[in-house]
């Protein structure tokens, strides 16, 4: 499975961005997809995830009520709608996928795309 993320950019605090991640290859085996982020000097952290079949979603507490993860199975695409962005959301956002489980840890995902930079100015 190959993943291609896009949609990052520079936005002012309070603004919105939508990230997209397109999966290709053995997409019929997908079980879950997720978004992670890594800020400068910090470890990669979980943001949100969604199960490919039932659409079950998980969010880290800091983005609940502001971010929404969704999917379009026909397009093999997962989205991350980010509203009310804060400077602390600044990070490189990466999408990930797995064909066996739906987890919230980095180790839960076997496939990773390249990151897309999100910068939120104050």
C-alpha atoms as a PDB file:
ATOM      1  CA  UNK A   1       0.000   0.000   0.000  1.00  0.00           C
ATOM      2  CA  UNK A   2       1.306   3.430  -0.957  1.00  0.00           C
ATOM      3  CA  UNK A   3       0.039   6.619   0.648  1.00  0.00           C
ATOM      4  CA  UNK A   4       0.174  10.161  -0.716  1.00  0.00           C
ATOM      5  CA  UNK A   5      -0.700  13.020   1.617  1.00  0.00           C
ATOM      6  CA  UNK A   6      -1.441  16.593   0.628  1.00  0.00           C
ATOM      7  CA  UNK A   7      -3.160  19.741   1.828  1.00  0.00           C
ATOM      8  CA  UNK A   8      -0.719  21.259   4.272  1.00  0.00           C
ATOM      9  CA  UNK A   9       0.130  24.935   4.308  1.00  0.00           C
ATOM     10  CA  UNK A  10       0.331  28.131   6.293  1.00  0.00           C
ATOM     11  CA  UNK A  11      -2.786  29.353   8.059  1.00  0.00           C
ATOM     12  CA  UNK A  12      -3.552  31.878  10.773  1.00  0.00           C
ATOM     13  CA  UNK A  13      -4.772  30.786  14.159  1.00  0.00           C
ATOM     14  CA  UNK A  14      -8.487  30.089  14.042  1.00  0.00           C
ATOM     15  CA  UNK A  15      -8.342  29.081  10.412  1.00  0.00           C
ATOM     16  CA  UNK A  16      -8.992  25.760   8.712  1.00  0.00           C
ATOM     17  CA  UNK A  17      -7.211  23.285   6.479  1.00  0.00           C
ATOM     18  CA  UNK A  18      -8.187  19.943   5.001  1.00  0.00           C
ATOM     19  CA  UNK A  19      -5.599  17.249   4.562  1.00  0.00           C
ATOM     20  CA  UNK A  20      -6.062  14.394   2.115  1.00  0.00           C
ATOM     21  CA  UNK A  21      -4.368  11.019   1.903  1.00  0.00           C
ATOM     22  CA  UNK A  22      -4.829   8.810  -1.149  1.00  0.00           C
ATOM     23  CA  UNK A  23      -4.065   5.116  -0.857  1.00  0.00           C
ATOM     24  CA  UNK A  24      -2.984   2.981  -3.807  1.00  0.00           C
ATOM     25  CA  UNK A  25      -1.868  -0.584  -4.301  1.00  0.00           C
ATOM     26  CA  UNK A  26      -3.528  -3.338  -2.231  1.00  0.00           C
ATOM     27  CA  UNK A  27      -6.278  -1.080  -0.936  1.00  0.00           C
ATOM     28  CA  UNK A  28      -8.747  -3.955  -0.686  1.00  0.00           C
ATOM     29  CA  UNK A  29      -6.839  -5.147   2.373  1.00  0.00           C
ATOM     30  CA  UNK A  30      -7.045  -1.868   4.309  1.00  0.00           C
ATOM     31  CA  UNK A  31      -8.406  -2.122   7.857  1.00  0.00           C
ATOM     32  CA  UNK A  32      -7.743   1.365   9.212  1.00  0.00           C
ATOM     33  CA  UNK A  33      -6.093   4.651   8.344  1.00  0.00           C
ATOM     34  CA  UNK A  34      -4.805   7.341  10.621  1.00  0.00           C
ATOM     35  CA  UNK A  35      -3.133  10.696  10.908  1.00  0.00           C
ATOM     36  CA  UNK A  36      -0.109  11.398  13.055  1.00  0.00           C
ATOM     37  CA  UNK A  37       1.901  14.567  13.544  1.00  0.00           C
ATOM     38  CA  UNK A  38       5.377  15.485  14.634  1.00  0.00           C
ATOM     39  CA  UNK A  39       6.302  18.940  15.853  1.00  0.00           C
ATOM     40  CA  UNK A  40       9.932  20.123  15.896  1.00  0.00           C
ATOM     41  CA  UNK A  41      11.818  18.512  18.738  1.00  0.00           C
ATOM     42  CA  UNK A  42       8.915  16.274  19.701  1.00  0.00           C
ATOM     43  CA  UNK A  43       7.969  12.686  19.113  1.00  0.00           C
ATOM     44  CA  UNK A  44       5.406  11.650  16.546  1.00  0.00           C
ATOM     45  CA  UNK A  45       1.948  11.606  18.093  1.00  0.00           C
ATOM     46  CA  UNK A  46      -1.425  10.185  17.184  1.00  0.00           C
ATOM     47  CA  UNK A  47      -4.059  12.625  15.920  1.00  0.00           C
ATOM     48  CA  UNK A  48      -7.020  10.674  14.548  1.00  0.00           C
ATOM     49  CA  UNK A  49      -7.920   7.394  12.888  1.00  0.00           C
ATOM     50  CA  UNK A  50     -10.813   5.698  11.140  1.00  0.00           C
ATOM     51  CA  UNK A  51     -11.665   2.098  10.410  1.00  0.00           C
ATOM     52  CA  UNK A  52     -11.977   1.447   6.712  1.00  0.00           C
ATOM     53  CA  UNK A  53     -15.103  -0.685   6.929  1.00  0.00           C
ATOM     54  CA  UNK A  54     -17.322   0.597   9.738  1.00  0.00           C
ATOM     55  CA  UNK A  55     -16.024   4.131  10.012  1.00  0.00           C
ATOM     56  CA  UNK A  56     -15.191   3.945  13.706  1.00  0.00           C
ATOM     57  CA  UNK A  57     -13.143   6.993  14.641  1.00  0.00           C
ATOM     58  CA  UNK A  58     -10.653   7.839  17.364  1.00  0.00           C
ATOM     59  CA  UNK A  59      -9.211  11.242  18.244  1.00  0.00           C
ATOM     60  CA  UNK A  60      -6.554  12.480  20.578  1.00  0.00           C
ATOM     61  CA  UNK A  61      -8.061  14.719  23.246  1.00  0.00           C
ATOM     62  CA  UNK A  62      -6.379  17.907  22.067  1.00  0.00           C
ATOM     63  CA  UNK A  63      -8.187  17.866  18.696  1.00  0.00           C
ATOM     64  CA  UNK A  64     -11.632  16.627  19.716  1.00  0.00           C
ATOM     65  CA  UNK A  65     -14.302  19.044  18.581  1.00  0.00           C
ATOM     66  CA  UNK A  66     -11.921  20.754  16.151  1.00  0.00           C
ATOM     67  CA  UNK A  67     -10.704  18.022  13.791  1.00  0.00           C
ATOM     68  CA  UNK A  68     -12.814  15.543  11.839  1.00  0.00           C
ATOM     69  CA  UNK A  69     -11.512  12.462  10.081  1.00  0.00           C
ATOM     70  CA  UNK A  70     -13.539  11.005   7.231  1.00  0.00           C
ATOM     71  CA  UNK A  71     -13.089   8.656   4.306  1.00  0.00           C
ATOM     72  CA  UNK A  72     -14.218   8.053   0.782  1.00  0.00           C
ATOM     73  CA  UNK A  73     -13.830   4.362   0.072  1.00  0.00           C
ATOM     74  CA  UNK A  74     -14.529   4.792  -3.623  1.00  0.00           C
ATOM     75  CA  UNK A  75     -11.610   7.192  -3.902  1.00  0.00           C
ATOM     76  CA  UNK A  76      -9.405   5.302  -1.429  1.00  0.00           C
ATOM     77  CA  UNK A  77      -8.973   8.606   0.350  1.00  0.00           C
ATOM     78  CA  UNK A  78      -9.031   9.687   3.969  1.00  0.00           C
ATOM     79  CA  UNK A  79      -9.452  13.316   4.969  1.00  0.00           C
ATOM     80  CA  UNK A  80      -8.604  15.339   8.040  1.00  0.00           C
ATOM     81  CA  UNK A  81     -10.670  18.506   8.337  1.00  0.00           C
ATOM     82  CA  UNK A  82      -8.922  20.794  10.784  1.00  0.00           C
ATOM     83  CA  UNK A  83     -10.863  23.769  12.154  1.00  0.00           C
ATOM     84  CA  UNK A  84     -10.058  26.341  14.828  1.00  0.00           C
ATOM     85  CA  UNK A  85      -6.383  25.711  14.307  1.00  0.00           C
ATOM     86  CA  UNK A  86      -3.949  26.737  17.020  1.00  0.00           C
ATOM     87  CA  UNK A  87      -0.215  27.463  16.855  1.00  0.00           C
ATOM     88  CA  UNK A  88       0.380  24.275  18.820  1.00  0.00           C
ATOM     89  CA  UNK A  89      -1.096  22.310  15.911  1.00  0.00           C
ATOM     90  CA  UNK A  90       1.972  23.236  13.863  1.00  0.00           C
ATOM     91  CA  UNK A  91       3.662  20.007  12.785  1.00  0.00           C
ATOM     92  CA  UNK A  92       4.387  17.666   9.923  1.00  0.00           C
ATOM     93  CA  UNK A  93       1.263  15.562   9.465  1.00  0.00           C
ATOM     94  CA  UNK A  94       1.626  12.026   8.114  1.00  0.00           C
ATOM     95  CA  UNK A  95      -1.000   9.503   7.128  1.00  0.00           C
ATOM     96  CA  UNK A  96      -0.708   5.838   7.914  1.00  0.00           C
ATOM     97  CA  UNK A  97      -2.567   2.642   7.130  1.00  0.00           C
ATOM     98  CA  UNK A  98      -2.751  -0.902   8.370  1.00  0.00           C
ATOM     99  CA  UNK A  99      -4.358  -4.075   7.106  1.00  0.00           C
ATOM    100  CA  UNK A 100      -4.761  -5.909  10.405  1.00  0.00           C
ATOM    101  CA  UNK A 101      -5.909  -3.619  13.184  1.00  0.00           C
ATOM    102  CA  UNK A 102      -7.254  -0.195  14.142  1.00  0.00           C
ATOM    103  CA  UNK A 103      -4.938   1.366  16.673  1.00  0.00           C
ATOM    104  CA  UNK A 104      -3.814   4.718  17.982  1.00  0.00           C
ATOM    105  CA  UNK A 105      -0.111   4.040  18.300  1.00  0.00           C
ATOM    106  CA  UNK A 106       2.658   4.457  15.762  1.00  0.00           C
ATOM    107  CA  UNK A 107       3.384   0.742  16.041  1.00  0.00           C
ATOM    108  CA  UNK A 108      -0.200  -0.059  14.974  1.00  0.00           C
ATOM    109  CA  UNK A 109       0.484   0.984  11.388  1.00  0.00           C
ATOM    110  CA  UNK A 110       2.578  -0.756   8.752  1.00  0.00           C
ATOM    111  CA  UNK A 111       2.256   1.721   5.899  1.00  0.00           C
ATOM    112  CA  UNK A 112       3.248   5.374   5.979  1.00  0.00           C
ATOM    113  CA  UNK A 113       3.042   8.246   3.558  1.00  0.00           C
ATOM    114  CA  UNK A 114       5.284  11.261   3.367  1.00  0.00           C
ATOM    115  CA  UNK A 115       4.421  14.166   5.613  1.00  0.00           C
ATOM    116  CA  UNK A 116       2.746  17.423   4.795  1.00  0.00           C
ATOM    117  CA  UNK A 117       3.658  20.525   6.780  1.00  0.00           C
ATOM    118  CA  UNK A 118       0.989  22.473   8.618  1.00  0.00           C
ATOM    119  CA  UNK A 119       2.059  25.826  10.038  1.00  0.00           C
ATOM    120  CA  UNK A 120      -0.327  27.842  12.182  1.00  0.00           C
ATOM    121  CA  UNK A 121       0.693  31.418  12.846  1.00  0.00           C
ATOM    122  CA  UNK A 122      -0.458  33.357  15.895  1.00  0.00           C
END
